[in-house]
Amino acid sequence: MRVGILTGGGDCPGLNAALRGAAKALIHEYNAEVIGIEEGFLGLIERRVKPLSYSMVTDILDQGGTILGTSNRASPFDWKGKNVAQEVADYYNELGLDCIVSMGGDGSMTMCYEMSKYGMNFVGVPKTIDNDLASTDRTFGFSTAVGVATEAIDRLQTTGKAHKRVMILETMGRYAGWIALYAGVAGGADIILIPEFPYHLDEVIDAIKQRHAQRSFTIVVVAEGARPVNGEAIISKAKVEGAPDPIRLGGIGMYLQKQLEDAKIESEVRTTILGHIQRGGTPSAYDRIFATNVGVYAASLVAAKKYGRMVTVHRGHMNSCKLEDVAHNVKHVPKDNMTLISALNMGINFGDPDLKIPLDSLEDDKINMG
């Protein structure tokens, strides 16, 4: 076998671990020749690849980022105003590849699905800190990002308490609020605002007033894609050239701060935006193991010629799904998610007065642990 590996989209803790798992399994178990594609689909467009040996991927397990580099601005369907998809497919054939193992999120999986229509074989590996990839319960990078955000909340707790402030933490999460939800619960946030449930400003203000009457400070965690009722998500940059998603969200934390200040709440309000800190640095132990497992499983799919599929995890079992089930799709936080249910039943406010999920309404076998 001759197999390519690429890492696409934003960098993510665990990418090197997954790359290592896939490459080592392909070489050790299946005696495959492995070709590293530099900077995701950009390497295919610009014809930049390099061989990967067993020793080259040996000491990268604990490293953040990706030794192959990555890009989220390299679409074969719109490269400098041109469609170069056929040229990319021709290069794939010139390389004599049986398959490409593509490690990425929704944008990368959509790209793989669309490029498969040009005769290219792909096996996808679920990577994104946002955990918003359809058809799988978990993506690697999410655990590390939640850990970073949780530590930030822990630190904001002490400052908020000392100064009796409202401390807002803005996390990543364009269209799904997984990081904000899980970090908010882990860090003991009082208010969590996520894209799935647009917030009522009056509800947020009331929650802050109730909290300050008891404890004098409030922690608010808000996903970058959160928005007020009848409002739009805050765009920090539009028309990002060459990116699969042409807009960049961000700024909701400062927007909410101004809303609260205009409402003249008594406490000072401060905002912290985590940004790329969430996706950088050393992966957690969980992400190292999980990324290794999905990488090795991807190698087994390649060996079995089960192309056009992505590795998935569902209820603790590893499997795969069709790329078309993932492409052009986003996994939102559902109302049957147990972490959401726990948060609501502990009194954490989501800015939505109608969002109520009583514990006695739950059926044991229908609770989603996420």
Protein backbone atom coordinates (compact mmCIF):
# COMPACT_ATOMS: atom_id res chain seq x y z
CA MET A 1 0.00 0.00 0.00
CA ARG A 2 0.98 3.61 -0.56
CA VAL A 3 -0.98 5.88 1.78
CA GLY A 4 -1.02 9.63 2.22
CA ILE A 5 -1.69 11.37 5.54
CA LEU A 6 -2.77 14.99 5.89
CA THR A 7 -3.81 17.16 8.81
CA GLY A 8 -6.34 19.83 7.81
CA GLY A 9 -8.17 22.78 9.30
CA GLY A 10 -7.14 24.42 12.55
CA ASP A 11 -4.37 22.89 14.64
CA CYS A 12 -5.56 20.71 17.48
CA PRO A 13 -4.06 18.93 20.52
CA GLY A 14 -3.69 15.25 19.61
CA LEU A 15 -3.01 15.66 15.88
CA ASN A 16 0.52 14.32 16.21
CA ALA A 17 -0.71 11.45 18.37
CA ALA A 18 -3.28 10.47 15.73
CA LEU A 19 -0.74 10.87 12.93
CA ARG A 20 1.70 8.70 14.89
CA GLY A 21 -0.93 6.01 15.50
CA ALA A 22 -1.99 5.83 11.86
CA ALA A 23 1.52 5.92 10.41
CA LYS A 24 3.00 3.38 12.82
CA ALA A 25 0.13 0.94 12.31
CA LEU A 26 0.32 1.28 8.53
CA ILE A 27 4.07 0.68 8.53
CA HIS A 28 4.35 -1.93 11.30
CA GLU A 29 1.23 -3.98 10.66
CA TYR A 30 0.64 -3.54 6.94
CA ASN A 31 4.12 -2.72 5.58
CA ALA A 32 2.70 0.35 3.83
CA GLU A 33 4.64 3.25 2.36
CA VAL A 34 3.40 6.41 4.08
CA ILE A 35 3.53 9.84 2.45
CA GLY A 36 3.05 12.97 4.55
CA ILE A 37 1.13 15.75 2.79
CA GLU A 38 2.26 19.16 4.03
CA GLU A 39 -0.23 21.77 5.26
CA GLY A 40 -3.39 19.82 4.52
CA PHE A 41 -4.99 20.27 1.12
CA LEU A 42 -2.51 23.07 0.42
CA GLY A 43 0.19 20.40 0.05
CA LEU A 44 -1.90 18.68 -2.61
CA ILE A 45 -2.50 21.96 -4.42
CA GLU A 46 1.15 23.02 -4.31
CA ARG A 47 2.54 19.47 -4.71
CA ARG A 48 4.43 19.32 -1.41
CA VAL A 49 4.78 15.90 0.18
CA LYS A 50 7.45 13.92 2.02
CA PRO A 51 7.92 10.28 3.04
CA LEU A 52 7.19 9.39 6.66
CA SER A 53 9.25 6.66 8.28
CA TYR A 54 8.54 4.82 11.52
CA SER A 55 11.33 6.72 13.31
CA MET A 56 10.06 10.12 12.10
CA VAL A 57 6.78 9.69 13.99
CA THR A 58 8.23 8.06 17.11
CA ASP A 59 8.74 11.02 19.46
CA ILE A 60 5.74 13.23 18.67
CA LEU A 61 3.05 11.82 20.98
CA ASP A 62 3.15 14.69 23.47
CA GLN A 63 3.65 17.50 20.96
CA GLY A 64 0.94 20.01 20.14
CA GLY A 65 0.33 21.25 16.62
CA THR A 66 1.22 18.96 13.72
CA ILE A 67 4.58 18.00 12.23
CA LEU A 68 3.00 18.14 8.77
CA GLY A 69 1.61 21.63 9.19
CA THR A 70 -1.97 22.55 8.39
CA SER A 71 -4.08 25.14 6.62
CA ASN A 72 -7.73 26.17 6.76
CA ARG A 73 -7.51 28.41 3.70
CA ALA A 74 -6.79 25.87 0.96
CA SER A 75 -9.89 24.75 -0.88
CA PRO A 76 -9.26 22.99 -4.21
CA PHE A 77 -12.63 24.33 -5.31
CA ASP A 78 -11.63 27.96 -4.81
CA TRP A 79 -7.86 28.39 -4.92
CA LYS A 80 -6.97 31.96 -5.85
CA GLY A 81 -10.25 32.21 -7.71
CA LYS A 82 -9.86 28.93 -9.60
CA ASN A 83 -11.24 25.42 -9.27
CA VAL A 84 -8.16 23.16 -9.14
CA ALA A 85 -9.94 20.02 -7.92
CA GLN A 86 -9.08 18.05 -11.06
CA GLU A 87 -5.40 19.05 -10.80
CA VAL A 88 -5.38 17.83 -7.19
CA ALA A 89 -6.92 14.51 -8.26
CA ASP A 90 -4.31 14.19 -11.02
CA TYR A 91 -1.51 14.73 -8.48
CA TYR A 92 -3.05 12.10 -6.22
CA ASN A 93 -2.89 9.64 -9.11
CA GLU A 94 0.69 10.67 -9.95
CA LEU A 95 1.70 9.86 -6.38
CA GLY A 96 0.18 6.41 -6.80
CA LEU A 97 -1.77 6.67 -3.55
CA ASP A 98 -4.29 4.02 -2.59
CA CYS A 99 -5.90 6.35 -0.04
CA ILE A 100 -5.41 9.49 2.02
CA VAL A 101 -5.99 9.45 5.78
CA SER A 102 -7.41 12.91 6.44
CA MET A 103 -7.46 14.24 10.00
CA GLY A 104 -9.84 17.15 10.34
CA GLY A 105 -13.16 18.63 11.34
CA ASP A 106 -16.36 19.37 9.44
CA GLY A 107 -14.63 21.50 6.81
CA SER A 108 -12.00 18.86 6.10
CA MET A 109 -14.51 16.01 5.99
CA THR A 110 -16.71 18.00 3.62
CA MET A 111 -13.67 18.60 1.42
CA CYS A 112 -12.82 14.89 1.44
CA TYR A 113 -16.35 13.96 0.49
CA GLU A 114 -16.43 16.44 -2.39
CA MET A 115 -12.96 15.42 -3.63
CA SER A 116 -13.94 11.74 -3.50
CA LYS A 117 -16.21 12.53 -6.46
CA TYR A 118 -13.00 12.99 -8.45
CA GLY A 119 -11.90 9.40 -7.82
CA MET A 120 -9.80 10.00 -4.70
CA ASN A 121 -10.06 7.60 -1.73
CA PHE A 122 -10.23 9.00 1.79
CA VAL A 123 -10.51 7.72 5.33
CA GLY A 124 -11.39 10.43 7.83
CA VAL A 125 -10.19 10.85 11.42
CA PRO A 126 -12.43 13.02 13.67
CA LYS A 127 -10.45 16.04 14.84
CA THR A 128 -11.80 19.30 16.26
CA ILE A 129 -11.67 20.98 19.64
CA ASP A 130 -15.29 22.06 19.11
CA ASN A 131 -16.61 18.45 19.29
CA ASP A 132 -19.20 19.44 16.67
CA LEU A 133 -18.52 16.73 14.11
CA ALA A 134 -21.63 14.79 13.13
CA SER A 135 -22.00 11.01 13.56
CA THR A 136 -19.45 10.66 16.36
CA ASP A 137 -19.82 11.16 20.11
CA ARG A 138 -16.33 12.58 20.54
CA THR A 139 -13.48 14.20 18.63
CA PHE A 140 -9.91 14.43 19.84
CA GLY A 141 -8.74 17.86 20.97
CA PHE A 142 -11.99 18.52 22.81
CA SER A 143 -10.78 17.15 26.15
CA THR A 144 -7.67 19.33 26.09
CA ALA A 145 -9.60 22.45 25.09
CA VAL A 146 -12.11 21.91 27.90
CA GLY A 147 -9.23 21.47 30.35
CA VAL A 148 -7.66 24.75 29.28
CA ALA A 149 -10.97 26.60 29.50
CA THR A 150 -11.71 25.07 32.91
CA GLU A 151 -8.37 26.23 34.27
CA ALA A 152 -9.15 29.72 32.98
CA ILE A 153 -12.49 29.69 34.82
CA ASP A 154 -10.74 28.55 38.02
CA ARG A 155 -8.44 31.55 37.78
CA LEU A 156 -11.26 33.97 36.99
CA GLN A 157 -13.15 32.71 40.05
CA THR A 158 -10.48 34.11 42.39
CA THR A 159 -10.35 37.52 40.69
CA GLY A 160 -14.12 37.74 40.46
CA LYS A 161 -14.50 36.94 44.13
CA ALA A 162 -11.78 39.37 45.22
CA HIS A 163 -13.23 42.30 43.27
CA LYS A 164 -16.93 41.35 43.35
CA ARG A 165 -17.09 41.41 39.56
CA VAL A 166 -18.94 39.77 36.73
CA MET A 167 -16.23 37.79 34.89
CA ILE A 168 -17.05 36.80 31.30
CA LEU A 169 -15.03 34.10 29.56
CA GLU A 170 -15.43 33.74 25.78
CA THR A 171 -14.59 30.30 24.43
CA MET A 172 -14.46 28.89 20.92
CA GLY A 173 -17.61 27.32 19.51
CA ARG A 174 -18.93 28.86 16.31
CA TYR A 175 -22.13 26.91 15.83
CA ALA A 176 -22.12 24.50 18.78
CA GLY A 177 -21.48 25.17 22.45
CA TRP A 178 -19.74 21.99 23.60
CA ILE A 179 -16.61 23.68 25.02
CA ALA A 180 -18.56 26.39 26.83
CA LEU A 181 -21.00 23.86 28.29
CA TYR A 182 -18.46 21.32 29.52
CA ALA A 183 -15.90 23.86 30.76
CA GLY A 184 -18.68 25.90 32.35
CA VAL A 185 -19.90 22.91 34.33
CA ALA A 186 -16.37 21.78 35.21
CA GLY A 187 -15.38 25.28 36.34
CA GLY A 188 -18.54 26.05 38.30
CA ALA A 189 -19.88 28.81 36.05
CA ASP A 190 -23.12 30.54 37.03
CA ILE A 191 -24.28 31.40 33.52
CA ILE A 192 -23.49 29.54 30.27
CA LEU A 193 -24.52 30.96 26.91
CA ILE A 194 -24.26 28.75 23.82
CA PRO A 195 -25.39 29.00 20.17
CA GLU A 196 -28.09 26.37 20.57
CA PHE A 197 -30.17 28.55 22.89
CA PRO A 198 -30.26 32.31 22.12
CA TYR A 199 -30.20 34.28 25.34
CA HIS A 200 -32.64 36.82 26.77
CA LEU A 201 -30.66 39.73 28.21
CA ASP A 202 -33.20 40.30 30.99
CA GLU A 203 -32.81 36.67 32.05
CA VAL A 204 -29.02 37.06 32.24
CA ILE A 205 -29.33 40.28 34.24
CA ASP A 206 -31.78 38.70 36.69
CA ALA A 207 -29.45 35.73 37.17
CA ILE A 208 -26.52 38.08 37.92
CA LYS A 209 -28.57 40.04 40.45
CA GLN A 210 -29.69 36.86 42.21
CA ARG A 211 -26.14 35.54 42.28
CA HIS A 212 -24.70 38.80 43.67
CA ALA A 213 -27.30 38.88 46.41
CA GLN A 214 -25.81 35.56 47.61
CA ARG A 215 -22.13 35.52 46.62
CA SER A 216 -21.26 39.00 45.21
CA PHE A 217 -19.61 37.77 41.98
CA THR A 218 -20.65 35.91 38.83
CA ILE A 219 -18.86 33.75 36.28
CA VAL A 220 -20.33 33.83 32.74
CA VAL A 221 -19.04 31.45 30.06
CA VAL A 222 -20.10 32.31 26.52
CA ALA A 223 -19.34 30.47 23.28
CA GLU A 224 -18.18 32.72 20.43
CA GLY A 225 -21.26 31.78 18.39
CA ALA A 226 -23.80 32.63 21.11
CA ARG A 227 -26.30 35.34 20.26
CA PRO A 228 -29.18 37.23 21.84
CA VAL A 229 -32.78 36.41 20.98
CA ASN A 230 -33.66 37.97 17.61
CA GLY A 231 -30.00 38.91 17.19
CA GLU A 232 -27.10 37.64 15.11
CA ALA A 233 -23.79 36.07 16.05
CA ILE A 234 -20.96 38.60 16.32
CA ILE A 235 -18.63 38.50 13.32
CA SER A 236 -15.04 39.54 13.91
CA LYS A 237 -13.98 39.17 10.28
CA ALA A 238 -15.90 38.50 7.09
CA LYS A 239 -14.81 37.16 3.72
CA VAL A 240 -11.71 35.24 4.79
CA GLU A 241 -10.13 34.42 1.43
CA GLY A 242 -9.78 30.72 0.63
CA ALA A 243 -11.35 29.50 3.88
CA PRO A 244 -14.12 26.86 3.77
CA ASP A 245 -16.08 29.06 6.18
CA PRO A 246 -15.64 32.65 4.95
CA ILE A 247 -16.50 34.32 8.27
CA ARG A 248 -14.75 34.44 11.64
CA LEU A 249 -16.90 34.77 14.74
CA GLY A 250 -15.76 36.44 17.92
CA GLY A 251 -16.48 39.41 20.15
CA ILE A 252 -19.63 38.20 21.87
CA GLY A 253 -17.90 38.54 25.25
CA MET A 254 -17.27 42.26 24.80
CA TYR A 255 -20.71 42.71 23.25
CA LEU A 256 -22.34 41.11 26.29
CA GLN A 257 -20.18 43.20 28.60
CA LYS A 258 -21.44 46.37 26.93
CA GLN A 259 -25.03 45.11 27.16
CA LEU A 260 -24.62 44.57 30.89
CA GLU A 261 -22.90 47.92 31.42
CA ASP A 262 -25.66 49.70 29.47
CA ALA A 263 -28.17 47.99 31.73
CA LYS A 264 -26.28 49.59 34.64
CA ILE A 265 -25.81 46.50 36.76
CA GLU A 266 -24.01 47.37 39.98
CA SER A 267 -20.89 45.23 39.50
CA GLU A 268 -17.92 45.86 37.27
CA VAL A 269 -17.77 43.56 34.25
CA ARG A 270 -14.57 42.14 32.75
CA THR A 271 -14.13 39.93 29.68
CA THR A 272 -11.43 37.39 28.84
CA ILE A 273 -11.19 35.86 25.37
CA LEU A 274 -9.29 32.57 25.30
CA GLY A 275 -8.95 32.32 21.54
CA HIS A 276 -6.17 30.10 20.22
CA ILE A 277 -4.93 29.25 23.71
CA GLN A 278 -7.62 26.55 23.67
CA ARG A 279 -6.17 24.74 20.66
CA GLY A 280 -2.45 25.03 21.38
CA GLY A 281 -0.02 23.16 23.59
CA THR A 282 0.34 19.66 24.96
CA PRO A 283 -2.63 17.29 24.55
CA SER A 284 -4.23 15.77 27.64
CA ALA A 285 -3.65 12.10 28.47
CA TYR A 286 -7.19 11.33 27.32
CA ASP A 287 -6.63 13.00 23.95
CA ARG A 288 -3.30 11.21 23.47
CA ILE A 289 -4.97 7.85 23.97
CA PHE A 290 -8.11 8.66 22.03
CA ALA A 291 -6.18 10.16 19.09
CA THR A 292 -3.90 7.12 19.01
CA ASN A 293 -6.90 4.79 18.93
CA VAL A 294 -8.70 6.59 16.10
CA GLY A 295 -5.45 6.82 14.13
CA VAL A 296 -4.81 3.08 14.39
CA TYR A 297 -8.44 2.29 13.59
CA ALA A 298 -8.19 4.49 10.49
CA ALA A 299 -5.20 2.41 9.38
CA SER A 300 -7.32 -0.74 9.66
CA LEU A 301 -10.03 0.84 7.48
CA VAL A 302 -7.41 1.67 4.84
CA ALA A 303 -6.07 -1.89 4.91
CA ALA A 304 -9.61 -3.24 4.51
CA LYS A 305 -10.20 -0.79 1.62
CA LYS A 306 -13.16 0.72 3.44
CA TYR A 307 -12.75 4.06 1.74
CA GLY A 308 -15.07 7.04 1.87
CA ARG A 309 -15.61 6.63 5.60
CA MET A 310 -14.72 8.41 8.85
CA VAL A 311 -13.81 6.80 12.16
CA THR A 312 -16.55 7.27 14.77
CA VAL A 313 -17.18 6.56 18.43
CA HIS A 314 -20.71 5.86 19.62
CA ARG A 315 -21.65 4.71 23.12
CA GLY A 316 -18.07 3.63 23.73
CA HIS A 317 -17.74 1.56 20.56
CA MET A 318 -15.44 2.45 17.67
CA ASN A 319 -16.87 2.17 14.18
CA SER A 320 -17.10 4.24 11.00
CA CYS A 321 -19.66 6.16 8.98
CA LYS A 322 -19.91 7.42 5.42
CA LEU A 323 -18.21 10.73 4.73
CA GLU A 324 -21.45 11.98 3.22
CA ASP A 325 -23.09 11.61 6.65
CA VAL A 326 -20.55 14.06 8.07
CA ALA A 327 -20.17 16.50 5.18
CA HIS A 328 -22.06 19.81 5.40
CA ASN A 329 -23.27 18.90 8.87
CA VAL A 330 -22.80 20.13 12.45
CA LYS A 331 -23.47 18.31 15.72
CA HIS A 332 -25.24 20.63 18.15
CA VAL A 333 -25.68 20.18 21.89
CA PRO A 334 -28.97 18.24 22.16
CA LYS A 335 -31.54 18.68 24.89
CA ASP A 336 -31.02 15.10 26.04
CA ASN A 337 -27.34 15.74 26.85
CA MET A 338 -26.71 14.81 30.48
CA THR A 339 -24.22 17.63 31.10
CA LEU A 340 -26.79 20.16 29.93
CA ILE A 341 -29.46 18.48 32.04
CA SER A 342 -27.17 18.46 35.09
CA ALA A 343 -26.37 22.14 34.64
CA LEU A 344 -30.02 23.12 34.39
CA ASN A 345 -31.03 21.07 37.42
CA MET A 346 -28.25 22.63 39.50
CA GLY A 347 -29.52 26.11 38.69
CA ILE A 348 -26.97 27.19 36.07
CA ASN A 349 -28.64 29.79 33.88
CA PHE A 350 -28.58 29.58 30.05
CA GLY A 351 -30.37 32.84 29.38
CA ASP A 352 -33.48 31.03 28.18
CA PRO A 353 -36.43 31.00 30.63
CA ASP A 354 -38.16 28.24 28.66
CA LEU A 355 -35.21 25.84 28.80
CA LYS A 356 -36.26 23.39 31.49
CA ILE A 357 -35.61 19.64 31.58
CA PRO A 358 -36.96 18.17 34.86
CA LEU A 359 -35.09 15.16 36.20
CA ASP A 360 -38.28 13.16 36.61
CA SER A 361 -38.93 13.48 32.87
CA LEU A 362 -35.82 11.48 31.95
CA GLU A 363 -35.70 7.90 30.76
CA ASP A 364 -32.51 6.10 31.78
CA ASP A 365 -31.73 4.54 28.42
CA LYS A 366 -32.29 7.79 26.52
CA ILE A 367 -29.81 10.03 28.34
CA ASN A 368 -26.99 11.21 26.10
CA MET A 369 -23.64 11.39 27.89
CA GLY A 370 -22.02 13.16 24.91
